[in-house]
Amino acid sequence: MKKEDTVLLEKINDTPAGDKTLFGIKEVSELLCVHQQTLRNWERKKVLVPLRAGDRRVYTAEHIELCRKIKEFSGKGVPLKGIKELINKI
């Protein structure tokens, strides 16, 4: 990890608003039992927008909760475009 990435992560972790524990894409994919490429695809379709630390994607607890909702809707056959619309209404 580059020095500027570390500084960015420290700034994010120092914010007082709630739990700002950060997770990498590997941790999130393992936690949710989805492939890392699935998370990248959700980002590409703008359903999920992770934070960035340089080139790395970093996720908060809120991102993980959103991923769980996306996975649930997807499991029910809702296409990503529909999921994006549903999430925007929440």
N, C-alpha and C. Protein backbone atom coordinates (compact mmCIF):
# COMPACT_ATOMS: atom_id res chain seq x y z
N MET A 1 0.85 -1.17 0.00
CA MET A 1 0.00 0.00 0.00
C MET A 1 0.90 1.23 0.00
N LYS A 2 0.53 2.20 -0.83
CA LYS A 2 1.30 3.44 -0.91
C LYS A 2 1.03 4.33 0.30
N LYS A 3 1.97 5.23 0.57
CA LYS A 3 1.84 6.12 1.72
C LYS A 3 0.57 6.95 1.65
N GLU A 4 0.25 7.50 0.46
CA GLU A 4 -0.96 8.32 0.34
C GLU A 4 -2.23 7.50 0.57
N ASP A 5 -2.19 6.21 0.23
CA ASP A 5 -3.33 5.34 0.50
C ASP A 5 -3.52 5.17 2.01
N THR A 6 -2.41 5.00 2.71
CA THR A 6 -2.47 4.85 4.16
C THR A 6 -3.04 6.11 4.81
N VAL A 7 -2.62 7.26 4.34
CA VAL A 7 -3.12 8.52 4.87
C VAL A 7 -4.62 8.64 4.64
N LEU A 8 -5.08 8.28 3.44
CA LEU A 8 -6.51 8.34 3.13
C LEU A 8 -7.29 7.42 4.06
N LEU A 9 -6.80 6.20 4.24
CA LEU A 9 -7.48 5.25 5.11
C LEU A 9 -7.51 5.75 6.56
N GLU A 10 -6.43 6.37 7.02
CA GLU A 10 -6.40 6.93 8.37
C GLU A 10 -7.44 8.03 8.52
N LYS A 11 -7.59 8.88 7.50
CA LYS A 11 -8.58 9.95 7.56
C LYS A 11 -9.99 9.38 7.64
N ILE A 12 -10.25 8.36 6.83
CA ILE A 12 -11.58 7.74 6.83
C ILE A 12 -11.85 7.09 8.19
N ASN A 13 -10.85 6.38 8.72
CA ASN A 13 -11.03 5.69 10.00
C ASN A 13 -11.15 6.65 11.17
N ASP A 14 -10.65 7.87 11.04
CA ASP A 14 -10.71 8.84 12.12
C ASP A 14 -12.03 9.59 12.19
N THR A 15 -12.90 9.39 11.22
CA THR A 15 -14.17 10.11 11.24
C THR A 15 -15.02 9.63 12.40
N PRO A 16 -15.66 10.56 13.12
CA PRO A 16 -16.40 10.19 14.32
C PRO A 16 -17.76 9.55 14.06
N ALA A 17 -18.27 9.63 12.85
CA ALA A 17 -19.63 9.17 12.57
C ALA A 17 -19.68 7.65 12.42
N GLY A 18 -20.03 6.95 13.49
CA GLY A 18 -20.26 5.52 13.43
C GLY A 18 -19.02 4.69 13.20
N ASP A 19 -19.26 3.42 12.91
CA ASP A 19 -18.17 2.47 12.67
C ASP A 19 -17.65 2.65 11.26
N LYS A 20 -16.40 2.99 11.14
CA LYS A 20 -15.79 3.18 9.82
C LYS A 20 -14.71 2.14 9.55
N THR A 21 -14.92 0.92 10.05
CA THR A 21 -14.00 -0.15 9.74
C THR A 21 -14.06 -0.39 8.24
N LEU A 22 -12.90 -0.54 7.63
CA LEU A 22 -12.84 -0.72 6.19
C LEU A 22 -12.45 -2.14 5.84
N PHE A 23 -13.01 -2.62 4.74
CA PHE A 23 -12.77 -3.98 4.29
C PHE A 23 -12.31 -3.93 2.84
N GLY A 24 -11.42 -4.83 2.48
CA GLY A 24 -10.99 -4.97 1.10
C GLY A 24 -11.96 -5.84 0.33
N ILE A 25 -11.80 -5.86 -0.98
CA ILE A 25 -12.72 -6.61 -1.84
C ILE A 25 -12.68 -8.11 -1.53
N LYS A 26 -11.50 -8.63 -1.19
CA LYS A 26 -11.39 -10.05 -0.86
C LYS A 26 -12.19 -10.38 0.39
N GLU A 27 -12.08 -9.55 1.41
CA GLU A 27 -12.82 -9.78 2.65
C GLU A 27 -14.32 -9.74 2.42
N VAL A 28 -14.77 -8.76 1.64
CA VAL A 28 -16.20 -8.61 1.37
C VAL A 28 -16.72 -9.80 0.56
N SER A 29 -15.95 -10.20 -0.45
CA SER A 29 -16.40 -11.32 -1.28
C SER A 29 -16.50 -12.61 -0.46
N GLU A 30 -15.56 -12.82 0.44
CA GLU A 30 -15.60 -14.01 1.29
C GLU A 30 -16.75 -13.93 2.29
N LEU A 31 -16.96 -12.76 2.86
CA LEU A 31 -18.03 -12.55 3.82
C LEU A 31 -19.40 -12.81 3.21
N LEU A 32 -19.59 -12.35 1.97
CA LEU A 32 -20.89 -12.46 1.31
C LEU A 32 -21.04 -13.69 0.42
N CYS A 33 -19.95 -14.46 0.30
CA CYS A 33 -19.94 -15.64 -0.57
C CYS A 33 -20.29 -15.28 -2.01
N VAL A 34 -19.67 -14.21 -2.49
CA VAL A 34 -19.79 -13.83 -3.90
C VAL A 34 -18.38 -13.66 -4.46
N HIS A 35 -18.25 -13.81 -5.75
CA HIS A 35 -16.96 -13.65 -6.40
C HIS A 35 -16.56 -12.18 -6.41
N GLN A 36 -15.28 -11.90 -6.36
CA GLN A 36 -14.81 -10.52 -6.43
C GLN A 36 -15.28 -9.84 -7.72
N GLN A 37 -15.35 -10.60 -8.80
CA GLN A 37 -15.81 -10.04 -10.07
C GLN A 37 -17.27 -9.59 -9.98
N THR A 38 -18.06 -10.25 -9.14
CA THR A 38 -19.45 -9.83 -8.93
C THR A 38 -19.49 -8.43 -8.33
N LEU A 39 -18.64 -8.19 -7.33
CA LEU A 39 -18.58 -6.86 -6.72
C LEU A 39 -18.12 -5.81 -7.73
N ARG A 40 -17.15 -6.17 -8.57
CA ARG A 40 -16.69 -5.24 -9.61
C ARG A 40 -17.81 -4.95 -10.61
N ASN A 41 -18.59 -5.98 -10.92
CA ASN A 41 -19.70 -5.81 -11.86
C ASN A 41 -20.76 -4.89 -11.27
N TRP A 42 -21.07 -5.04 -10.00
CA TRP A 42 -22.03 -4.15 -9.34
C TRP A 42 -21.53 -2.72 -9.38
N GLU A 43 -20.22 -2.55 -9.22
CA GLU A 43 -19.65 -1.20 -9.30
C GLU A 43 -19.75 -0.65 -10.73
N ARG A 44 -19.43 -1.50 -11.70
CA ARG A 44 -19.47 -1.08 -13.11
C ARG A 44 -20.89 -0.64 -13.51
N LYS A 45 -21.88 -1.32 -12.96
CA LYS A 45 -23.29 -1.00 -13.25
C LYS A 45 -23.82 0.12 -12.35
N LYS A 46 -22.93 0.65 -11.47
CA LYS A 46 -23.25 1.76 -10.58
C LYS A 46 -24.35 1.42 -9.56
N VAL A 47 -24.42 0.14 -9.21
CA VAL A 47 -25.35 -0.28 -8.16
C VAL A 47 -24.66 -0.14 -6.81
N LEU A 48 -23.35 -0.26 -6.80
CA LEU A 48 -22.53 -0.17 -5.60
C LEU A 48 -21.33 0.71 -5.92
N VAL A 49 -21.05 1.68 -5.07
CA VAL A 49 -19.92 2.58 -5.30
C VAL A 49 -19.01 2.55 -4.06
N PRO A 50 -17.97 1.70 -4.09
CA PRO A 50 -17.08 1.63 -2.94
C PRO A 50 -16.17 2.86 -2.86
N LEU A 51 -15.58 3.04 -1.70
CA LEU A 51 -14.58 4.09 -1.55
C LEU A 51 -13.30 3.63 -2.24
N ARG A 52 -12.40 4.55 -2.44
CA ARG A 52 -11.13 4.22 -3.08
C ARG A 52 -9.98 4.69 -2.22
N ALA A 53 -8.96 3.85 -2.14
CA ALA A 53 -7.69 4.21 -1.51
C ALA A 53 -6.65 3.93 -2.59
N GLY A 54 -6.37 4.96 -3.40
CA GLY A 54 -5.53 4.74 -4.57
C GLY A 54 -6.29 3.89 -5.56
N ASP A 55 -5.73 2.76 -5.92
CA ASP A 55 -6.38 1.83 -6.85
C ASP A 55 -7.25 0.79 -6.15
N ARG A 56 -7.18 0.75 -4.83
CA ARG A 56 -7.91 -0.26 -4.06
C ARG A 56 -9.34 0.16 -3.79
N ARG A 57 -10.23 -0.81 -3.87
CA ARG A 57 -11.61 -0.60 -3.45
C ARG A 57 -11.67 -0.89 -1.96
N VAL A 58 -12.34 -0.02 -1.22
CA VAL A 58 -12.53 -0.27 0.21
C VAL A 58 -14.01 -0.09 0.53
N TYR A 59 -14.48 -0.95 1.41
CA TYR A 59 -15.90 -1.01 1.73
C TYR A 59 -16.12 -0.78 3.22
N THR A 60 -17.20 -0.09 3.54
CA THR A 60 -17.60 0.12 4.94
C THR A 60 -18.69 -0.89 5.29
N ALA A 61 -19.09 -0.88 6.54
CA ALA A 61 -20.19 -1.75 6.98
C ALA A 61 -21.47 -1.43 6.21
N GLU A 62 -21.66 -0.14 5.89
CA GLU A 62 -22.85 0.25 5.11
C GLU A 62 -22.81 -0.36 3.71
N HIS A 63 -21.63 -0.40 3.11
CA HIS A 63 -21.50 -1.03 1.80
C HIS A 63 -21.85 -2.52 1.88
N ILE A 64 -21.40 -3.17 2.94
CA ILE A 64 -21.67 -4.60 3.09
C ILE A 64 -23.16 -4.84 3.26
N GLU A 65 -23.82 -4.00 4.01
CA GLU A 65 -25.27 -4.13 4.17
C GLU A 65 -25.98 -3.94 2.82
N LEU A 66 -25.53 -2.97 2.05
CA LEU A 66 -26.08 -2.74 0.72
C LEU A 66 -25.84 -3.96 -0.17
N CYS A 67 -24.66 -4.54 -0.09
CA CYS A 67 -24.35 -5.75 -0.87
C CYS A 67 -25.29 -6.89 -0.51
N ARG A 68 -25.61 -7.00 0.76
CA ARG A 68 -26.55 -8.05 1.18
C ARG A 68 -27.92 -7.85 0.54
N LYS A 69 -28.36 -6.59 0.47
CA LYS A 69 -29.64 -6.29 -0.18
C LYS A 69 -29.58 -6.59 -1.67
N ILE A 70 -28.48 -6.21 -2.31
CA ILE A 70 -28.31 -6.47 -3.74
C ILE A 70 -28.35 -7.97 -3.99
N LYS A 71 -27.63 -8.72 -3.16
CA LYS A 71 -27.59 -10.17 -3.31
C LYS A 71 -28.97 -10.79 -3.12
N GLU A 72 -29.71 -10.28 -2.14
CA GLU A 72 -31.06 -10.78 -1.88
C GLU A 72 -31.98 -10.54 -3.09
N PHE A 73 -31.99 -9.30 -3.60
CA PHE A 73 -32.82 -8.99 -4.76
C PHE A 73 -32.40 -9.81 -5.98
N SER A 74 -31.10 -9.93 -6.16
CA SER A 74 -30.58 -10.69 -7.30
C SER A 74 -30.99 -12.15 -7.21
N GLY A 75 -30.98 -12.69 -6.00
CA GLY A 75 -31.39 -14.07 -5.79
C GLY A 75 -32.86 -14.31 -6.08
N LYS A 76 -33.64 -13.23 -6.05
CA LYS A 76 -35.07 -13.33 -6.37
C LYS A 76 -35.33 -13.06 -7.85
N GLY A 77 -34.25 -12.89 -8.62
CA GLY A 77 -34.40 -12.72 -10.07
C GLY A 77 -34.55 -11.28 -10.54
N VAL A 78 -34.36 -10.32 -9.65
CA VAL A 78 -34.46 -8.91 -10.05
C VAL A 78 -33.18 -8.51 -10.79
N PRO A 79 -33.29 -7.95 -12.00
CA PRO A 79 -32.09 -7.54 -12.73
C PRO A 79 -31.41 -6.35 -12.04
N LEU A 80 -30.12 -6.16 -12.32
CA LEU A 80 -29.36 -5.09 -11.67
C LEU A 80 -29.97 -3.71 -11.89
N LYS A 81 -30.52 -3.47 -13.07
CA LYS A 81 -31.16 -2.18 -13.33
C LYS A 81 -32.33 -1.96 -12.37
N GLY A 82 -33.11 -3.00 -12.15
CA GLY A 82 -34.23 -2.91 -11.21
C GLY A 82 -33.76 -2.75 -9.78
N ILE A 83 -32.68 -3.46 -9.44
CA ILE A 83 -32.12 -3.35 -8.09
C ILE A 83 -31.65 -1.92 -7.84
N LYS A 84 -30.99 -1.33 -8.85
CA LYS A 84 -30.51 0.04 -8.72
C LYS A 84 -31.67 1.00 -8.45
N GLU A 85 -32.77 0.81 -9.15
CA GLU A 85 -33.94 1.67 -8.95
C GLU A 85 -34.54 1.46 -7.56
N LEU A 86 -34.61 0.22 -7.11
CA LEU A 86 -35.14 -0.07 -5.77
C LEU A 86 -34.28 0.56 -4.69
N ILE A 87 -32.97 0.44 -4.83
CA ILE A 87 -32.04 0.97 -3.84
C ILE A 87 -32.12 2.50 -3.80
N ASN A 88 -32.28 3.13 -4.95
CA ASN A 88 -32.37 4.59 -4.99
C ASN A 88 -33.62 5.08 -4.28
N LYS A 89 -34.65 4.25 -4.18
CA LYS A 89 -35.89 4.65 -3.51
C LYS A 89 -35.80 4.47 -1.99
N ILE A 90 -34.84 3.66 -1.55
CA ILE A 90 -34.68 3.39 -0.11
C ILE A 90 -34.04 4.55 0.58
